[in-house]
Amino acid sequence: MPDTTAHLALPFIMAAQAQKHVTMNEALRLLDGIVQLSVLDRDLTAPPASPAEGDRYIAASGATGAWAGWDRSIAYWIDGAWMRILPAPGWMAWIEDEAQAIVWTGSAWIPVVDAMGFIAQAASVAVAREANGATTGIAVREETLSGLSGASRDSTIVIPNRAIVLGVSVRTVTAVLGASSFDCGVNGEPSKFGGALGVAVGSSNIGVIGPTAFYADTPVRLTANGGSFAGGAVRIAIHYLTCAAPD
C-alpha cells in the first residue's frame, strides 16, 4: 500500500501506527491549503515580511529566500513556516489581486479562459469573417518593460497601423525607482492612457479611452515624473480591434 493518496499526496494513516493524529493533522493542513485554492499574489519573488496564518501565494520565477527553488509552486504560510505545495496539471487558483482564475498546465499558469479555448493565445483573433476574407478582430498584446532608466521608455510591441485602440493597461511588477510616478501614453500624448501612475509593486491602471484609430505603428511610452527612471519593471497590455480587407 502506498504512503500517500494518488492525486493530492495526502498521507495515509498506517496500520498500528503510533500518534495517528500527527498524520491526520498533516493531511488536514494539505487539504486546507489546496481545496478552494485562492492566492493573494503570483508576482512576488521573495516571501512577504509579515504573512498571516493561511496566506497563500504562487512564487514567481526567480524566487529567493525561503521560496528559493519554488518557482510557480504554491507557498502556504502555516504554523509559522512556509509549506511548498506542488501543483498538478488542471489545478485552478483564484488570484485575488488580479481578480481572475488561472489553471496550471504542467509548465505554466495561464488564464482559465485561455485554457478553455474561449480566447486564442495569439496577437489577434478574428471574431467575424466574411466569405472573401474580410475580418474584424480583437486583440491584446503584452510586454514587461524592465530595467527602466532615463526620462522615458518606449515599448517594443506597438499599436499596429490601422488598429482601433480601446485602451492600454499597466501593472507595476517591480518597484519603480527614481520617479515619484509615471505617465502612460504615446509620443506627443504622454498621459493618453493614464497619468501619475503608482510606482509601488502591484499598482495598476486600466487606461481605457474612446475607440481611437492609429495610422502608423506606434509604441507605448512610459514617462517618468519627479525624476528619471532608475530601475523597476512595468507590464503593459495594448487592447485593440483590427480590420482586414477582403481578398
C-alpha atoms as a PDB file:
ATOM      1  CA  MET A   1       0.000   0.000   0.000  1.00  0.00           C
ATOM      2  CA  PRO A   2       1.401   3.450  -0.885  1.00  0.00           C
ATOM      3  CA  ASP A   3       2.129   6.028   1.812  1.00  0.00           C
ATOM      4  CA  THR A   4       0.065   8.797   0.195  1.00  0.00           C
ATOM      5  CA  THR A   5      -3.024   9.268  -1.946  1.00  0.00           C
ATOM      6  CA  ALA A   6      -2.555   9.211  -5.720  1.00  0.00           C
ATOM      7  CA  HIS A   7      -3.525  12.783  -6.609  1.00  0.00           C
ATOM      8  CA  LEU A   8      -3.206  15.115  -3.625  1.00  0.00           C
ATOM      9  CA  ALA A   9      -0.375  13.203  -1.903  1.00  0.00           C
ATOM     10  CA  LEU A  10      -2.265  13.174   1.399  1.00  0.00           C
ATOM     11  CA  PRO A  11      -0.570  10.845   3.912  1.00  0.00           C
ATOM     12  CA  PHE A  12      -2.359   7.651   4.893  1.00  0.00           C
ATOM     13  CA  ILE A  13      -2.721   6.506   8.484  1.00  0.00           C
ATOM     14  CA  MET A  14      -0.952   3.167   8.517  1.00  0.00           C
ATOM     15  CA  ALA A  15      -1.996   0.074  10.426  1.00  0.00           C
ATOM     16  CA  ALA A  16      -0.771   0.033  14.052  1.00  0.00           C
ATOM     17  CA  GLN A  17       0.721   3.498  13.588  1.00  0.00           C
ATOM     18  CA  ALA A  18       1.543   5.446  16.723  1.00  0.00           C
ATOM     19  CA  GLN A  19       0.416   9.070  17.065  1.00  0.00           C
ATOM     20  CA  LYS A  20      -2.162   8.774  14.311  1.00  0.00           C
ATOM     21  CA  HIS A  21      -3.267  12.350  14.960  1.00  0.00           C
ATOM     22  CA  VAL A  22       0.063  13.648  13.546  1.00  0.00           C
ATOM     23  CA  THR A  23      -0.596  12.076  10.143  1.00  0.00           C
ATOM     24  CA  MET A  24      -4.238  13.112  10.233  1.00  0.00           C
ATOM     25  CA  ASN A  25      -3.361  16.732  11.020  1.00  0.00           C
ATOM     26  CA  GLU A  26      -0.782  16.816   8.209  1.00  0.00           C
ATOM     27  CA  ALA A  27      -3.421  15.635   5.750  1.00  0.00           C
ATOM     28  CA  LEU A  28      -5.869  18.263   7.004  1.00  0.00           C
ATOM     29  CA  ARG A  29      -3.254  21.017   6.591  1.00  0.00           C
ATOM     30  CA  LEU A  30      -2.635  19.956   2.999  1.00  0.00           C
ATOM     31  CA  LEU A  31      -6.352  19.834   2.242  1.00  0.00           C
ATOM     32  CA  ASP A  32      -6.831  23.265   3.779  1.00  0.00           C
ATOM     33  CA  GLY A  33      -4.036  24.628   1.569  1.00  0.00           C
ATOM     34  CA  ILE A  34      -5.216  23.017  -1.672  1.00  0.00           C
ATOM     35  CA  VAL A  35      -9.012  22.950  -1.685  1.00  0.00           C
ATOM     36  CA  GLN A  36     -10.808  26.091  -2.958  1.00  0.00           C
ATOM     37  CA  LEU A  37      -7.375  27.497  -3.820  1.00  0.00           C
ATOM     38  CA  SER A  38      -7.167  31.291  -3.654  1.00  0.00           C
ATOM     39  CA  VAL A  39      -3.788  33.041  -3.606  1.00  0.00           C
ATOM     40  CA  LEU A  40      -3.008  36.641  -2.752  1.00  0.00           C
ATOM     41  CA  ASP A  41      -0.421  37.278  -5.475  1.00  0.00           C
ATOM     42  CA  ARG A  42       1.690  35.500  -8.106  1.00  0.00           C
ATOM     43  CA  ASP A  43       4.261  38.219  -8.885  1.00  0.00           C
ATOM     44  CA  LEU A  44       6.421  38.096  -5.745  1.00  0.00           C
ATOM     45  CA  THR A  45       9.887  36.528  -5.843  1.00  0.00           C
ATOM     46  CA  ALA A  46      10.504  36.905  -2.098  1.00  0.00           C
ATOM     47  CA  PRO A  47       8.203  35.973   0.799  1.00  0.00           C
ATOM     48  CA  PRO A  48       6.298  38.865   2.409  1.00  0.00           C
ATOM     49  CA  ALA A  49       7.701  40.057   5.715  1.00  0.00           C
ATOM     50  CA  SER A  50       4.610  39.505   7.876  1.00  0.00           C
ATOM     51  CA  PRO A  51       2.348  36.808   6.443  1.00  0.00           C
ATOM     52  CA  ALA A  52      -0.893  35.891   8.186  1.00  0.00           C
ATOM     53  CA  GLU A  53      -1.786  32.312   9.069  1.00  0.00           C
ATOM     54  CA  GLY A  54      -3.183  30.592   5.994  1.00  0.00           C
ATOM     55  CA  ASP A  55      -1.845  33.091   3.439  1.00  0.00           C
ATOM     56  CA  ARG A  56      -1.110  31.525   0.072  1.00  0.00           C
ATOM     57  CA  TYR A  57       0.948  32.796  -2.860  1.00  0.00           C
ATOM     58  CA  ILE A  58       2.280  31.462  -6.146  1.00  0.00           C
ATOM     59  CA  ALA A  59       6.023  32.077  -6.121  1.00  0.00           C
ATOM     60  CA  ALA A  60       7.183  33.969  -9.209  1.00  0.00           C
ATOM     61  CA  SER A  61      10.083  32.828 -11.393  1.00  0.00           C
ATOM     62  CA  GLY A  62      13.441  33.547  -9.753  1.00  0.00           C
ATOM     63  CA  ALA A  63      12.076  33.072  -6.232  1.00  0.00           C
ATOM     64  CA  THR A  64      14.524  33.754  -3.407  1.00  0.00           C
ATOM     65  CA  GLY A  65      14.853  33.328   0.355  1.00  0.00           C
ATOM     66  CA  ALA A  66      12.509  30.747   1.865  1.00  0.00           C
ATOM     67  CA  TRP A  67      10.932  30.351  -1.594  1.00  0.00           C
ATOM     68  CA  ALA A  68      14.183  29.618  -3.438  1.00  0.00           C
ATOM     69  CA  GLY A  69      13.585  26.865  -5.982  1.00  0.00           C
ATOM     70  CA  TRP A  70       9.812  27.133  -5.585  1.00  0.00           C
ATOM     71  CA  ASP A  71       9.136  28.916  -8.898  1.00  0.00           C
ATOM     72  CA  ARG A  72       5.413  28.725  -9.790  1.00  0.00           C
ATOM     73  CA  SER A  73       4.708  26.492  -6.755  1.00  0.00           C
ATOM     74  CA  ILE A  74       2.133  27.361  -4.114  1.00  0.00           C
ATOM     75  CA  ALA A  75       3.687  28.872  -0.974  1.00  0.00           C
ATOM     76  CA  TYR A  76       1.435  28.325   2.061  1.00  0.00           C
ATOM     77  CA  TRP A  77       2.122  30.015   5.437  1.00  0.00           C
ATOM     78  CA  ILE A  78       1.022  27.600   8.146  1.00  0.00           C
ATOM     79  CA  ASP A  79       2.122  27.059  11.743  1.00  0.00           C
ATOM     80  CA  GLY A  80       4.778  29.776  11.475  1.00  0.00           C
ATOM     81  CA  ALA A  81       6.557  28.381   8.410  1.00  0.00           C
ATOM     82  CA  TRP A  82       6.245  28.239   4.630  1.00  0.00           C
ATOM     83  CA  MET A  83       4.962  24.990   3.135  1.00  0.00           C
ATOM     84  CA  ARG A  84       5.538  24.251  -0.540  1.00  0.00           C
ATOM     85  CA  ILE A  85       2.674  22.663  -2.465  1.00  0.00           C
ATOM     86  CA  LEU A  86       3.446  21.421  -5.976  1.00  0.00           C
ATOM     87  CA  PRO A  87       0.503  21.936  -8.345  1.00  0.00           C
ATOM     88  CA  ALA A  88      -0.684  19.182 -10.657  1.00  0.00           C
ATOM     89  CA  PRO A  89      -1.998  19.754 -14.202  1.00  0.00           C
ATOM     90  CA  GLY A  90      -5.561  21.003 -14.121  1.00  0.00           C
ATOM     91  CA  TRP A  91      -5.382  22.708 -10.736  1.00  0.00           C
ATOM     92  CA  MET A  92      -7.171  26.037 -10.666  1.00  0.00           C
ATOM     93  CA  ALA A  93      -6.439  29.065  -8.495  1.00  0.00           C
ATOM     94  CA  TRP A  94      -8.132  32.408  -7.944  1.00  0.00           C
ATOM     95  CA  ILE A  95      -5.646  35.319  -7.973  1.00  0.00           C
ATOM     96  CA  GLU A  96      -7.030  37.870  -5.534  1.00  0.00           C
ATOM     97  CA  ASP A  97      -5.035  40.929  -6.620  1.00  0.00           C
ATOM     98  CA  GLU A  98      -5.881  40.288 -10.299  1.00  0.00           C
ATOM     99  CA  ALA A  99      -9.477  39.082  -9.808  1.00  0.00           C
ATOM    100  CA  GLN A 100      -9.017  36.253 -12.293  1.00  0.00           C
ATOM    101  CA  ALA A 101      -8.876  32.462 -12.328  1.00  0.00           C
ATOM    102  CA  ILE A 102      -5.835  30.628 -13.678  1.00  0.00           C
ATOM    103  CA  VAL A 103      -5.017  26.985 -14.327  1.00  0.00           C
ATOM    104  CA  TRP A 104      -1.749  25.013 -14.139  1.00  0.00           C
ATOM    105  CA  THR A 105      -0.908  23.283 -17.429  1.00  0.00           C
ATOM    106  CA  GLY A 106       2.042  21.352 -16.045  1.00  0.00           C
ATOM    107  CA  SER A 107       4.538  24.021 -17.111  1.00  0.00           C
ATOM    108  CA  ALA A 108       2.762  27.370 -16.685  1.00  0.00           C
ATOM    109  CA  TRP A 109      -0.165  29.112 -15.004  1.00  0.00           C
ATOM    110  CA  ILE A 110      -2.495  30.524 -17.677  1.00  0.00           C
ATOM    111  CA  PRO A 111      -5.899  32.249 -17.525  1.00  0.00           C
ATOM    112  CA  VAL A 112      -8.779  29.791 -17.422  1.00  0.00           C
ATOM    113  CA  VAL A 113     -10.397  31.430 -20.455  1.00  0.00           C
ATOM    114  CA  ASP A 114      -7.258  30.653 -22.472  1.00  0.00           C
ATOM    115  CA  ALA A 115      -7.100  27.071 -21.232  1.00  0.00           C
ATOM    116  CA  MET A 116     -10.729  26.504 -22.207  1.00  0.00           C
ATOM    117  CA  GLY A 117     -10.204  27.921 -25.678  1.00  0.00           C
ATOM    118  CA  PHE A 118     -12.540  30.898 -25.374  1.00  0.00           C
ATOM    119  CA  ILE A 119      -9.716  33.238 -26.361  1.00  0.00           C
ATOM    120  CA  ALA A 120      -6.860  32.058 -28.531  1.00  0.00           C
ATOM    121  CA  GLN A 121      -3.355  32.804 -27.322  1.00  0.00           C
ATOM    122  CA  ALA A 122      -2.453  34.946 -30.296  1.00  0.00           C
ATOM    123  CA  ALA A 123      -1.874  38.590 -31.109  1.00  0.00           C
ATOM    124  CA  SER A 124      -5.244  38.825 -32.859  1.00  0.00           C
ATOM    125  CA  VAL A 125      -8.361  36.684 -33.141  1.00  0.00           C
ATOM    126  CA  ALA A 126     -10.964  37.123 -35.880  1.00  0.00           C
ATOM    127  CA  VAL A 127     -14.399  37.288 -34.297  1.00  0.00           C
ATOM    128  CA  ALA A 128     -16.233  37.924 -37.585  1.00  0.00           C
ATOM    129  CA  ARG A 129     -15.293  36.773 -41.091  1.00  0.00           C
ATOM    130  CA  GLU A 130     -16.914  37.179 -44.494  1.00  0.00           C
ATOM    131  CA  ALA A 131     -16.723  34.840 -47.488  1.00  0.00           C
ATOM    132  CA  ASN A 132     -13.938  36.785 -49.231  1.00  0.00           C
ATOM    133  CA  GLY A 133     -11.684  37.032 -46.205  1.00  0.00           C
ATOM    134  CA  ALA A 134     -12.645  40.360 -44.645  1.00  0.00           C
ATOM    135  CA  THR A 135     -12.384  40.117 -40.867  1.00  0.00           C
ATOM    136  CA  THR A 136     -12.992  42.071 -37.720  1.00  0.00           C
ATOM    137  CA  GLY A 137     -10.670  41.064 -34.931  1.00  0.00           C
ATOM    138  CA  ILE A 138      -9.989  41.688 -31.284  1.00  0.00           C
ATOM    139  CA  ALA A 139      -6.510  41.582 -29.834  1.00  0.00           C
ATOM    140  CA  VAL A 140      -4.351  42.121 -26.780  1.00  0.00           C
ATOM    141  CA  ARG A 141      -0.561  42.262 -26.638  1.00  0.00           C
ATOM    142  CA  GLU A 142       1.589  42.301 -23.520  1.00  0.00           C
ATOM    143  CA  GLU A 143       5.155  43.279 -22.720  1.00  0.00           C
ATOM    144  CA  THR A 144       7.095  43.710 -19.477  1.00  0.00           C
ATOM    145  CA  LEU A 145       9.329  46.781 -19.634  1.00  0.00           C
ATOM    146  CA  SER A 146      12.108  46.012 -17.157  1.00  0.00           C
ATOM    147  CA  GLY A 147      15.269  47.829 -16.140  1.00  0.00           C
ATOM    148  CA  LEU A 148      13.588  51.206 -16.565  1.00  0.00           C
ATOM    149  CA  SER A 149      16.018  54.108 -16.970  1.00  0.00           C
ATOM    150  CA  GLY A 150      16.043  57.654 -18.273  1.00  0.00           C
ATOM    151  CA  ALA A 151      13.259  60.156 -18.745  1.00  0.00           C
ATOM    152  CA  SER A 152      11.031  57.790 -20.725  1.00  0.00           C
ATOM    153  CA  ARG A 153      10.842  54.272 -22.117  1.00  0.00           C
ATOM    154  CA  ASP A 154       9.144  53.077 -25.303  1.00  0.00           C
ATOM    155  CA  SER A 155       7.710  49.603 -25.692  1.00  0.00           C
ATOM    156  CA  THR A 156       8.993  47.104 -28.230  1.00  0.00           C
ATOM    157  CA  ILE A 157       5.477  45.998 -29.068  1.00  0.00           C
ATOM    158  CA  VAL A 158       3.479  48.597 -30.979  1.00  0.00           C
ATOM    159  CA  ILE A 159      -0.081  49.643 -31.579  1.00  0.00           C
ATOM    160  CA  PRO A 160      -0.459  48.365 -35.167  1.00  0.00           C
ATOM    161  CA  ASN A 161      -1.146  50.611 -38.112  1.00  0.00           C
ATOM    162  CA  ARG A 162      -4.931  50.834 -38.689  1.00  0.00           C
ATOM    163  CA  ALA A 163      -5.752  49.412 -35.259  1.00  0.00           C
ATOM    164  CA  ILE A 164      -8.606  50.861 -33.213  1.00  0.00           C
ATOM    165  CA  VAL A 165      -7.325  51.083 -29.655  1.00  0.00           C
ATOM    166  CA  LEU A 166      -9.644  50.612 -26.691  1.00  0.00           C
ATOM    167  CA  GLY A 167      -7.011  51.246 -24.046  1.00  0.00           C
ATOM    168  CA  VAL A 168      -3.657  50.333 -22.546  1.00  0.00           C
ATOM    169  CA  SER A 169      -3.484  48.746 -19.087  1.00  0.00           C
ATOM    170  CA  VAL A 170      -0.408  48.678 -16.863  1.00  0.00           C
ATOM    171  CA  ARG A 171       0.821  46.974 -13.711  1.00  0.00           C
ATOM    172  CA  THR A 172       3.975  47.757 -11.739  1.00  0.00           C
ATOM    173  CA  VAL A 173       5.614  44.361 -11.201  1.00  0.00           C
ATOM    174  CA  THR A 174       8.899  45.603  -9.698  1.00  0.00           C
ATOM    175  CA  ALA A 175       9.015  48.855  -7.721  1.00  0.00           C
ATOM    176  CA  VAL A 176       9.889  51.781  -9.978  1.00  0.00           C
ATOM    177  CA  LEU A 177      12.902  53.758  -8.741  1.00  0.00           C
ATOM    178  CA  GLY A 178      13.914  57.363  -9.380  1.00  0.00           C
ATOM    179  CA  ALA A 179      10.443  58.647 -10.278  1.00  0.00           C
ATOM    180  CA  SER A 180       7.596  59.590  -7.954  1.00  0.00           C
ATOM    181  CA  SER A 181       5.031  58.444 -10.532  1.00  0.00           C
ATOM    182  CA  PHE A 182       4.821  57.842 -14.268  1.00  0.00           C
ATOM    183  CA  ASP A 183       2.535  58.519 -17.206  1.00  0.00           C
ATOM    184  CA  CYS A 184       1.461  56.040 -19.864  1.00  0.00           C
ATOM    185  CA  GLY A 185       0.780  57.248 -23.366  1.00  0.00           C
ATOM    186  CA  VAL A 186       2.384  57.788 -26.755  1.00  0.00           C
ATOM    187  CA  ASN A 187       4.768  60.341 -28.227  1.00  0.00           C
ATOM    188  CA  GLY A 188       3.042  63.721 -28.078  1.00  0.00           C
ATOM    189  CA  GLU A 189       0.359  62.494 -25.648  1.00  0.00           C
ATOM    190  CA  PRO A 190       2.331  61.211 -22.648  1.00  0.00           C
ATOM    191  CA  SER A 191      -0.680  60.560 -20.380  1.00  0.00           C
ATOM    192  CA  LYS A 192      -3.150  59.346 -23.001  1.00  0.00           C
ATOM    193  CA  PHE A 193      -3.689  56.070 -21.114  1.00  0.00           C
ATOM    194  CA  GLY A 194      -3.142  57.364 -17.590  1.00  0.00           C
ATOM    195  CA  GLY A 195      -1.183  59.953 -15.633  1.00  0.00           C
ATOM    196  CA  ALA A 196       0.602  59.981 -12.269  1.00  0.00           C
ATOM    197  CA  LEU A 197       0.506  56.174 -12.044  1.00  0.00           C
ATOM    198  CA  GLY A 198       1.808  54.316  -8.997  1.00  0.00           C
ATOM    199  CA  VAL A 199       5.426  53.167  -8.657  1.00  0.00           C
ATOM    200  CA  ALA A 200       4.811  50.577  -5.907  1.00  0.00           C
ATOM    201  CA  VAL A 201       4.596  46.869  -6.697  1.00  0.00           C
ATOM    202  CA  GLY A 202       1.025  45.904  -7.566  1.00  0.00           C
ATOM    203  CA  SER A 203      -0.057  49.387  -8.644  1.00  0.00           C
ATOM    204  CA  SER A 204      -2.185  49.119 -11.767  1.00  0.00           C
ATOM    205  CA  ASN A 205      -4.312  51.148 -14.131  1.00  0.00           C
ATOM    206  CA  ILE A 206      -6.773  50.270 -16.879  1.00  0.00           C
ATOM    207  CA  GLY A 207      -6.334  53.184 -19.251  1.00  0.00           C
ATOM    208  CA  VAL A 208      -9.473  52.953 -21.359  1.00  0.00           C
ATOM    209  CA  ILE A 209     -10.125  55.608 -23.983  1.00  0.00           C
ATOM    210  CA  GLY A 210     -12.776  56.251 -26.583  1.00  0.00           C
ATOM    211  CA  PRO A 211     -12.054  53.915 -29.539  1.00  0.00           C
ATOM    212  CA  THR A 212      -9.173  55.638 -31.328  1.00  0.00           C
ATOM    213  CA  ALA A 213      -7.698  54.762 -34.721  1.00  0.00           C
ATOM    214  CA  PHE A 214      -3.927  54.777 -35.211  1.00  0.00           C
ATOM    215  CA  TYR A 215      -2.476  55.226 -38.698  1.00  0.00           C
ATOM    216  CA  ALA A 216       1.098  54.127 -38.052  1.00  0.00           C
ATOM    217  CA  ASP A 217       2.814  51.527 -35.883  1.00  0.00           C
ATOM    218  CA  THR A 218       3.063  53.329 -32.532  1.00  0.00           C
ATOM    219  CA  PRO A 219       4.949  52.248 -29.401  1.00  0.00           C
ATOM    220  CA  VAL A 220       3.550  52.877 -25.932  1.00  0.00           C
ATOM    221  CA  ARG A 221       5.646  55.339 -23.923  1.00  0.00           C
ATOM    222  CA  LEU A 222       6.157  55.439 -20.144  1.00  0.00           C
ATOM    223  CA  THR A 223       7.287  58.871 -18.934  1.00  0.00           C
ATOM    224  CA  ALA A 224       8.848  59.434 -15.514  1.00  0.00           C
ATOM    225  CA  ASN A 225       7.538  62.165 -13.208  1.00  0.00           C
ATOM    226  CA  GLY A 226       9.588  63.859 -10.475  1.00  0.00           C
ATOM    227  CA  GLY A 227      12.883  62.456 -11.727  1.00  0.00           C
ATOM    228  CA  SER A 228      14.250  59.946 -14.215  1.00  0.00           C
ATOM    229  CA  PHE A 229      13.671  56.219 -14.083  1.00  0.00           C
ATOM    230  CA  ALA A 230      16.429  54.390 -12.185  1.00  0.00           C
ATOM    231  CA  GLY A 231      15.065  50.854 -12.121  1.00  0.00           C
ATOM    232  CA  GLY A 232      11.902  48.805 -11.895  1.00  0.00           C
ATOM    233  CA  ALA A 233       9.557  46.973 -14.231  1.00  0.00           C
ATOM    234  CA  VAL A 234       6.093  47.747 -15.586  1.00  0.00           C
ATOM    235  CA  ARG A 235       3.933  45.317 -17.539  1.00  0.00           C
ATOM    236  CA  ILE A 236       1.765  46.848 -20.256  1.00  0.00           C
ATOM    237  CA  ALA A 237      -1.087  45.443 -22.335  1.00  0.00           C
ATOM    238  CA  ILE A 238      -2.482  47.019 -25.504  1.00  0.00           C
ATOM    239  CA  HIS A 239      -6.186  46.281 -26.108  1.00  0.00           C
ATOM    240  CA  TYR A 240      -7.403  46.907 -29.660  1.00  0.00           C
ATOM    241  CA  LEU A 241      -9.601  45.984 -32.605  1.00  0.00           C
ATOM    242  CA  THR A 242      -8.364  45.047 -36.070  1.00  0.00           C
ATOM    243  CA  CYS A 243      -9.886  45.233 -39.540  1.00  0.00           C
ATOM    244  CA  ALA A 244      -8.686  43.198 -42.536  1.00  0.00           C
ATOM    245  CA  ALA A 245      -9.716  43.926 -46.127  1.00  0.00           C
ATOM    246  CA  PRO A 246     -11.313  41.239 -48.327  1.00  0.00           C
ATOM    247  CA  ASP A 247      -9.110  39.185 -50.628  1.00  0.00           C
END
